[in-house]
Amino acid sequence: MYDYIEGLVAVRAAGRVVIDVGGVGFDLCTPLNSTLPAAGRARVWTHMVVREDAHLLYGFVDARSRDVFRALLTVGGVGPKLALAVMSGMAPDELVEAIALGDLARLTAVRGVGRKTAEQILLDLRQKVNSLRGEGAAPGARSHGKALEDAVAALISIGFSEKEARKQVERAAQTVDVSDLDKLVRAALAG
């Protein structure tokens, strides 16, 4: 319903911000690690959740963060509260990279995310990883993700199954510079 709200920051606290727009205060739930300013003018990208007992607004520093939040909401068993917890525990780029790598440990390190939920996030969002990277992703994050995908494709082309190729590349990524595709593929083959 609302794409963004722009106005003066009236209240900034952990997990929430109140934006004053023409004398009306919009109370938004935000990730704990949000970089919204504590005072002054701000534009907050929003997502609205309508429940029987409440209409809730969630606010994000940019549209990309909101898109990652919305993607989390498509995961089975993940509601707005858990999606916000995930966004509070990891920056969007870090979350997208964890999904791309299939990094279960990074996801389960977030408070409130158990093994089953982390596996469901990986399963449901793996196909959406490229669209989640978007234009706002840091150049290094984009190139690292591309290098990982290229390494997986290289292993598949010589006969590895996709599952085994991903497993080998993920192992190799922990030991070598991910931006060097040649070293990454060699380490995956040796792994």
C-alpha atoms as a PDB file:
ATOM      1  CA  MET A   1       0.000   0.000   0.000  1.00  0.00           C
ATOM      2  CA  TYR A   2       2.815   2.426   0.891  1.00  0.00           C
ATOM      3  CA  ASP A   3       6.045   2.265  -1.086  1.00  0.00           C
ATOM      4  CA  TYR A   4       7.952   4.603   1.196  1.00  0.00           C
ATOM      5  CA  ILE A   5       7.354   7.235   3.847  1.00  0.00           C
ATOM      6  CA  GLU A   6       9.430  10.396   3.989  1.00  0.00           C
ATOM      7  CA  GLY A   7       9.456  12.812   6.874  1.00  0.00           C
ATOM      8  CA  LEU A   8      11.157  13.801  10.097  1.00  0.00           C
ATOM      9  CA  VAL A   9      12.431  11.145  12.478  1.00  0.00           C
ATOM     10  CA  ALA A  10      10.446  11.734  15.687  1.00  0.00           C
ATOM     11  CA  VAL A  11      11.596   8.642  17.609  1.00  0.00           C
ATOM     12  CA  ARG A  12      14.439   6.232  16.866  1.00  0.00           C
ATOM     13  CA  ALA A  13      14.792   3.237  19.156  1.00  0.00           C
ATOM     14  CA  ALA A  14      16.031  -0.337  18.848  1.00  0.00           C
ATOM     15  CA  GLY A  15      13.733  -2.100  16.418  1.00  0.00           C
ATOM     16  CA  ARG A  16      11.483   0.856  15.625  1.00  0.00           C
ATOM     17  CA  VAL A  17      11.291   4.335  14.177  1.00  0.00           C
ATOM     18  CA  VAL A  18       8.507   6.921  14.170  1.00  0.00           C
ATOM     19  CA  ILE A  19       8.409   9.144  11.094  1.00  0.00           C
ATOM     20  CA  ASP A  20       6.438  12.396  11.372  1.00  0.00           C
ATOM     21  CA  VAL A  21       4.733  13.187   8.068  1.00  0.00           C
ATOM     22  CA  GLY A  22       2.664  16.353   8.243  1.00  0.00           C
ATOM     23  CA  GLY A  23       1.829  15.891  11.904  1.00  0.00           C
ATOM     24  CA  VAL A  24       1.039  12.157  11.636  1.00  0.00           C
ATOM     25  CA  GLY A  25       3.513   9.764  13.255  1.00  0.00           C
ATOM     26  CA  PHE A  26       4.020   6.500  11.383  1.00  0.00           C
ATOM     27  CA  ASP A  27       5.386   3.811  13.732  1.00  0.00           C
ATOM     28  CA  LEU A  28       7.527   1.310  11.819  1.00  0.00           C
ATOM     29  CA  CYS A  29       9.233  -1.884  12.953  1.00  0.00           C
ATOM     30  CA  THR A  30      12.833  -1.936  11.725  1.00  0.00           C
ATOM     31  CA  PRO A  31      15.738  -4.377  11.826  1.00  0.00           C
ATOM     32  CA  LEU A  32      17.922  -3.913  14.892  1.00  0.00           C
ATOM     33  CA  ASN A  33      20.936  -3.196  12.677  1.00  0.00           C
ATOM     34  CA  SER A  34      19.108  -0.509  10.680  1.00  0.00           C
ATOM     35  CA  THR A  35      21.175   2.494   9.656  1.00  0.00           C
ATOM     36  CA  LEU A  36      18.267   4.948   9.666  1.00  0.00           C
ATOM     37  CA  PRO A  37      19.237   8.295  11.184  1.00  0.00           C
ATOM     38  CA  ALA A  38      18.320   9.155  14.776  1.00  0.00           C
ATOM     39  CA  ALA A  39      17.151  12.644  13.798  1.00  0.00           C
ATOM     40  CA  GLY A  40      16.443  14.744  10.743  1.00  0.00           C
ATOM     41  CA  ARG A  41      14.728  13.885   7.507  1.00  0.00           C
ATOM     42  CA  ALA A  42      14.541  10.277   6.309  1.00  0.00           C
ATOM     43  CA  ARG A  43      12.933   8.190   3.606  1.00  0.00           C
ATOM     44  CA  VAL A  44      11.912   4.754   4.844  1.00  0.00           C
ATOM     45  CA  TRP A  45      10.919   1.994   2.400  1.00  0.00           C
ATOM     46  CA  THR A  46       7.922   0.145   3.801  1.00  0.00           C
ATOM     47  CA  HIS A  47       6.081  -3.139   3.834  1.00  0.00           C
ATOM     48  CA  MET A  48       2.616  -3.349   5.362  1.00  0.00           C
ATOM     49  CA  VAL A  49       1.245  -6.460   7.059  1.00  0.00           C
ATOM     50  CA  VAL A  50      -2.472  -6.623   7.783  1.00  0.00           C
ATOM     51  CA  ARG A  51      -3.604  -9.021  10.488  1.00  0.00           C
ATOM     52  CA  GLU A  52      -6.965  -9.457  12.174  1.00  0.00           C
ATOM     53  CA  ASP A  53      -5.796  -7.545  15.212  1.00  0.00           C
ATOM     54  CA  ALA A  54      -3.281  -5.070  13.734  1.00  0.00           C
ATOM     55  CA  HIS A  55      -1.949  -3.237  10.717  1.00  0.00           C
ATOM     56  CA  LEU A  56       1.853  -3.220  10.979  1.00  0.00           C
ATOM     57  CA  LEU A  57       4.383  -1.238   8.993  1.00  0.00           C
ATOM     58  CA  TYR A  58       7.932  -2.499   8.558  1.00  0.00           C
ATOM     59  CA  GLY A  59      10.587   0.009   7.541  1.00  0.00           C
ATOM     60  CA  PHE A  60      13.897  -0.359   5.737  1.00  0.00           C
ATOM     61  CA  VAL A  61      16.748   1.940   4.828  1.00  0.00           C
ATOM     62  CA  ASP A  62      16.455   1.096   1.102  1.00  0.00           C
ATOM     63  CA  ALA A  63      14.213  -0.717  -1.364  1.00  0.00           C
ATOM     64  CA  ARG A  64      16.657  -3.605  -1.723  1.00  0.00           C
ATOM     65  CA  SER A  65      16.519  -4.398   2.003  1.00  0.00           C
ATOM     66  CA  ARG A  66      12.740  -4.378   1.782  1.00  0.00           C
ATOM     67  CA  ASP A  67      12.889  -6.740  -1.216  1.00  0.00           C
ATOM     68  CA  VAL A  68      15.058  -9.191   0.736  1.00  0.00           C
ATOM     69  CA  PHE A  69      12.550  -8.984   3.626  1.00  0.00           C
ATOM     70  CA  ARG A  70       9.685  -9.687   1.201  1.00  0.00           C
ATOM     71  CA  ALA A  71      11.571 -12.655  -0.240  1.00  0.00           C
ATOM     72  CA  LEU A  72      11.948 -14.070   3.281  1.00  0.00           C
ATOM     73  CA  LEU A  73       8.180 -13.776   3.727  1.00  0.00           C
ATOM     74  CA  THR A  74       7.699 -16.184   0.800  1.00  0.00           C
ATOM     75  CA  VAL A  75       9.527 -18.933   2.706  1.00  0.00           C
ATOM     76  CA  GLY A  76       7.273 -21.526   4.313  1.00  0.00           C
ATOM     77  CA  GLY A  77       7.107 -21.006   8.070  1.00  0.00           C
ATOM     78  CA  VAL A  78       8.672 -17.522   8.015  1.00  0.00           C
ATOM     79  CA  GLY A  79       6.448 -14.661   9.087  1.00  0.00           C
ATOM     80  CA  PRO A  80       7.233 -10.964   9.477  1.00  0.00           C
ATOM     81  CA  LYS A  81       8.614 -11.327  13.007  1.00  0.00           C
ATOM     82  CA  LEU A  82      11.115 -14.038  12.039  1.00  0.00           C
ATOM     83  CA  ALA A  83      11.988 -12.297   8.753  1.00  0.00           C
ATOM     84  CA  LEU A  84      12.776  -9.140  10.736  1.00  0.00           C
ATOM     85  CA  ALA A  85      14.907 -11.190  13.141  1.00  0.00           C
ATOM     86  CA  VAL A  86      16.883 -12.578  10.189  1.00  0.00           C
ATOM     87  CA  MET A  87      17.300  -9.061   8.776  1.00  0.00           C
ATOM     88  CA  SER A  88      18.457  -7.905  12.231  1.00  0.00           C
ATOM     89  CA  GLY A  89      21.045 -10.668  12.415  1.00  0.00           C
ATOM     90  CA  MET A  90      22.564 -10.200   8.962  1.00  0.00           C
ATOM     91  CA  ALA A  91      23.018  -7.413   6.452  1.00  0.00           C
ATOM     92  CA  PRO A  92      21.102  -8.031   3.186  1.00  0.00           C
ATOM     93  CA  ASP A  93      24.320  -8.694   1.213  1.00  0.00           C
ATOM     94  CA  GLU A  94      25.508 -11.144   3.864  1.00  0.00           C
ATOM     95  CA  LEU A  95      22.142 -12.941   3.862  1.00  0.00           C
ATOM     96  CA  VAL A  96      22.032 -13.212   0.068  1.00  0.00           C
ATOM     97  CA  GLU A  97      25.607 -14.534   0.009  1.00  0.00           C
ATOM     98  CA  ALA A  98      24.766 -17.104   2.707  1.00  0.00           C
ATOM     99  CA  ILE A  99      21.837 -18.290   0.597  1.00  0.00           C
ATOM    100  CA  ALA A 100      24.003 -18.429  -2.556  1.00  0.00           C
ATOM    101  CA  LEU A 101      26.609 -20.503  -0.729  1.00  0.00           C
ATOM    102  CA  GLY A 102      24.055 -22.698   1.024  1.00  0.00           C
ATOM    103  CA  ASP A 103      25.662 -21.633   4.314  1.00  0.00           C
ATOM    104  CA  LEU A 104      23.447 -23.284   6.919  1.00  0.00           C
ATOM    105  CA  ALA A 105      25.783 -22.337   9.778  1.00  0.00           C
ATOM    106  CA  ARG A 106      25.492 -18.590   9.093  1.00  0.00           C
ATOM    107  CA  LEU A 107      21.711 -18.788   9.002  1.00  0.00           C
ATOM    108  CA  THR A 108      21.389 -20.871  12.168  1.00  0.00           C
ATOM    109  CA  ALA A 109      23.669 -18.388  13.959  1.00  0.00           C
ATOM    110  CA  VAL A 110      20.788 -15.890  13.794  1.00  0.00           C
ATOM    111  CA  ARG A 111      18.735 -15.926  16.969  1.00  0.00           C
ATOM    112  CA  GLY A 112      15.376 -17.621  16.379  1.00  0.00           C
ATOM    113  CA  VAL A 113      16.446 -19.515  13.240  1.00  0.00           C
ATOM    114  CA  GLY A 114      16.698 -23.247  13.758  1.00  0.00           C
ATOM    115  CA  ARG A 115      18.106 -25.843  11.404  1.00  0.00           C
ATOM    116  CA  LYS A 116      14.755 -26.656   9.761  1.00  0.00           C
ATOM    117  CA  THR A 117      13.949 -22.998   9.130  1.00  0.00           C
ATOM    118  CA  ALA A 118      17.433 -22.335   7.756  1.00  0.00           C
ATOM    119  CA  GLU A 119      17.111 -25.316   5.406  1.00  0.00           C
ATOM    120  CA  GLN A 120      13.707 -24.052   4.250  1.00  0.00           C
ATOM    121  CA  ILE A 121      15.151 -20.575   3.579  1.00  0.00           C
ATOM    122  CA  LEU A 122      17.948 -22.112   1.503  1.00  0.00           C
ATOM    123  CA  LEU A 123      15.524 -24.347  -0.380  1.00  0.00           C
ATOM    124  CA  ASP A 124      12.943 -21.656  -1.124  1.00  0.00           C
ATOM    125  CA  LEU A 125      15.311 -18.778  -1.939  1.00  0.00           C
ATOM    126  CA  ARG A 126      18.169 -20.497  -3.771  1.00  0.00           C
ATOM    127  CA  GLN A 127      16.452 -19.890  -7.132  1.00  0.00           C
ATOM    128  CA  LYS A 128      15.851 -16.218  -6.288  1.00  0.00           C
ATOM    129  CA  VAL A 129      19.432 -15.429  -5.292  1.00  0.00           C
ATOM    130  CA  ASN A 130      20.369 -13.659  -8.539  1.00  0.00           C
ATOM    131  CA  SER A 131      17.356 -11.360  -8.402  1.00  0.00           C
ATOM    132  CA  LEU A 132      18.040 -10.645  -4.714  1.00  0.00           C
ATOM    133  CA  ARG A 133      21.593  -9.557  -5.480  1.00  0.00           C
ATOM    134  CA  GLY A 134      20.147  -6.660  -7.453  1.00  0.00           C
ATOM    135  CA  GLU A 135      21.850  -3.430  -8.376  1.00  0.00           C
ATOM    136  CA  GLY A 136      22.420  -2.460  -4.737  1.00  0.00           C
ATOM    137  CA  ALA A 137      24.741  -5.369  -4.016  1.00  0.00           C
ATOM    138  CA  ALA A 138      28.316  -4.467  -3.363  1.00  0.00           C
ATOM    139  CA  PRO A 139      30.514  -5.135  -6.409  1.00  0.00           C
ATOM    140  CA  GLY A 140      32.624  -7.597  -4.425  1.00  0.00           C
ATOM    141  CA  ALA A 141      29.543  -9.552  -3.330  1.00  0.00           C
ATOM    142  CA  ARG A 142      28.321  -9.758  -6.923  1.00  0.00           C
ATOM    143  CA  SER A 143      31.680 -10.902  -8.299  1.00  0.00           C
ATOM    144  CA  HIS A 144      32.206 -13.441  -5.491  1.00  0.00           C
ATOM    145  CA  GLY A 145      28.752 -14.902  -6.096  1.00  0.00           C
ATOM    146  CA  LYS A 146      29.432 -15.070  -9.840  1.00  0.00           C
ATOM    147  CA  ALA A 147      32.784 -16.752  -9.228  1.00  0.00           C
ATOM    148  CA  LEU A 148      31.097 -19.344  -7.025  1.00  0.00           C
ATOM    149  CA  GLU A 149      28.417 -20.019  -9.621  1.00  0.00           C
ATOM    150  CA  ASP A 150      31.045 -20.219 -12.384  1.00  0.00           C
ATOM    151  CA  ALA A 151      33.053 -22.702 -10.313  1.00  0.00           C
ATOM    152  CA  VAL A 152      29.949 -24.845  -9.771  1.00  0.00           C
ATOM    153  CA  ALA A 153      29.212 -24.725 -13.517  1.00  0.00           C
ATOM    154  CA  ALA A 154      32.812 -25.771 -14.273  1.00  0.00           C
ATOM    155  CA  LEU A 155      32.535 -28.823 -12.020  1.00  0.00           C
ATOM    156  CA  ILE A 156      29.160 -29.781 -13.479  1.00  0.00           C
ATOM    157  CA  SER A 157      30.626 -29.548 -16.994  1.00  0.00           C
ATOM    158  CA  ILE A 158      33.212 -32.223 -16.138  1.00  0.00           C
ATOM    159  CA  GLY A 159      30.698 -34.638 -14.648  1.00  0.00           C
ATOM    160  CA  PHE A 160      29.921 -33.600 -11.062  1.00  0.00           C
ATOM    161  CA  SER A 161      26.296 -33.543  -9.952  1.00  0.00           C
ATOM    162  CA  GLU A 162      25.050 -30.073  -9.022  1.00  0.00           C
ATOM    163  CA  LYS A 163      24.751 -31.051  -5.364  1.00  0.00           C
ATOM    164  CA  GLU A 164      28.302 -32.427  -5.197  1.00  0.00           C
ATOM    165  CA  ALA A 165      29.691 -29.472  -7.187  1.00  0.00           C
ATOM    166  CA  ARG A 166      28.127 -26.966  -4.763  1.00  0.00           C
ATOM    167  CA  LYS A 167      29.419 -28.914  -1.789  1.00  0.00           C
ATOM    168  CA  GLN A 168      32.982 -28.970  -3.165  1.00  0.00           C
ATOM    169  CA  VAL A 169      32.925 -25.273  -4.119  1.00  0.00           C
ATOM    170  CA  GLU A 170      31.556 -24.270  -0.700  1.00  0.00           C
ATOM    171  CA  ARG A 171      34.395 -26.191   0.981  1.00  0.00           C
ATOM    172  CA  ALA A 172      36.971 -24.644  -1.323  1.00  0.00           C
ATOM    173  CA  ALA A 173      35.581 -21.133  -0.763  1.00  0.00           C
ATOM    174  CA  GLN A 174      36.565 -21.405   2.888  1.00  0.00           C
ATOM    175  CA  THR A 175      40.227 -21.966   2.048  1.00  0.00           C
ATOM    176  CA  VAL A 176      41.029 -19.862  -1.036  1.00  0.00           C
ATOM    177  CA  ASP A 177      40.345 -16.375  -2.395  1.00  0.00           C
ATOM    178  CA  VAL A 178      36.859 -16.598  -3.872  1.00  0.00           C
ATOM    179  CA  SER A 179      37.542 -13.883  -6.452  1.00  0.00           C
ATOM    180  CA  ASP A 180      40.182 -16.098  -8.167  1.00  0.00           C
ATOM    181  CA  LEU A 181      38.083 -18.558 -10.191  1.00  0.00           C
ATOM    182  CA  ASP A 182      41.060 -20.677 -11.236  1.00  0.00           C
ATOM    183  CA  LYS A 183      42.226 -21.262  -7.651  1.00  0.00           C
ATOM    184  CA  LEU A 184      38.642 -21.864  -6.535  1.00  0.00           C
ATOM    185  CA  VAL A 185      38.065 -24.601  -9.142  1.00  0.00           C
ATOM    186  CA  ARG A 186      41.440 -26.245  -8.395  1.00  0.00           C
ATOM    187  CA  ALA A 187      40.716 -26.262  -4.656  1.00  0.00           C
ATOM    188  CA  ALA A 188      37.230 -27.688  -5.290  1.00  0.00           C
ATOM    189  CA  LEU A 189      38.714 -30.478  -7.430  1.00  0.00           C
ATOM    190  CA  ALA A 190      41.341 -31.237  -4.774  1.00  0.00           C
ATOM    191  CA  GLY A 191      38.800 -31.023  -1.950  1.00  0.00           C
END
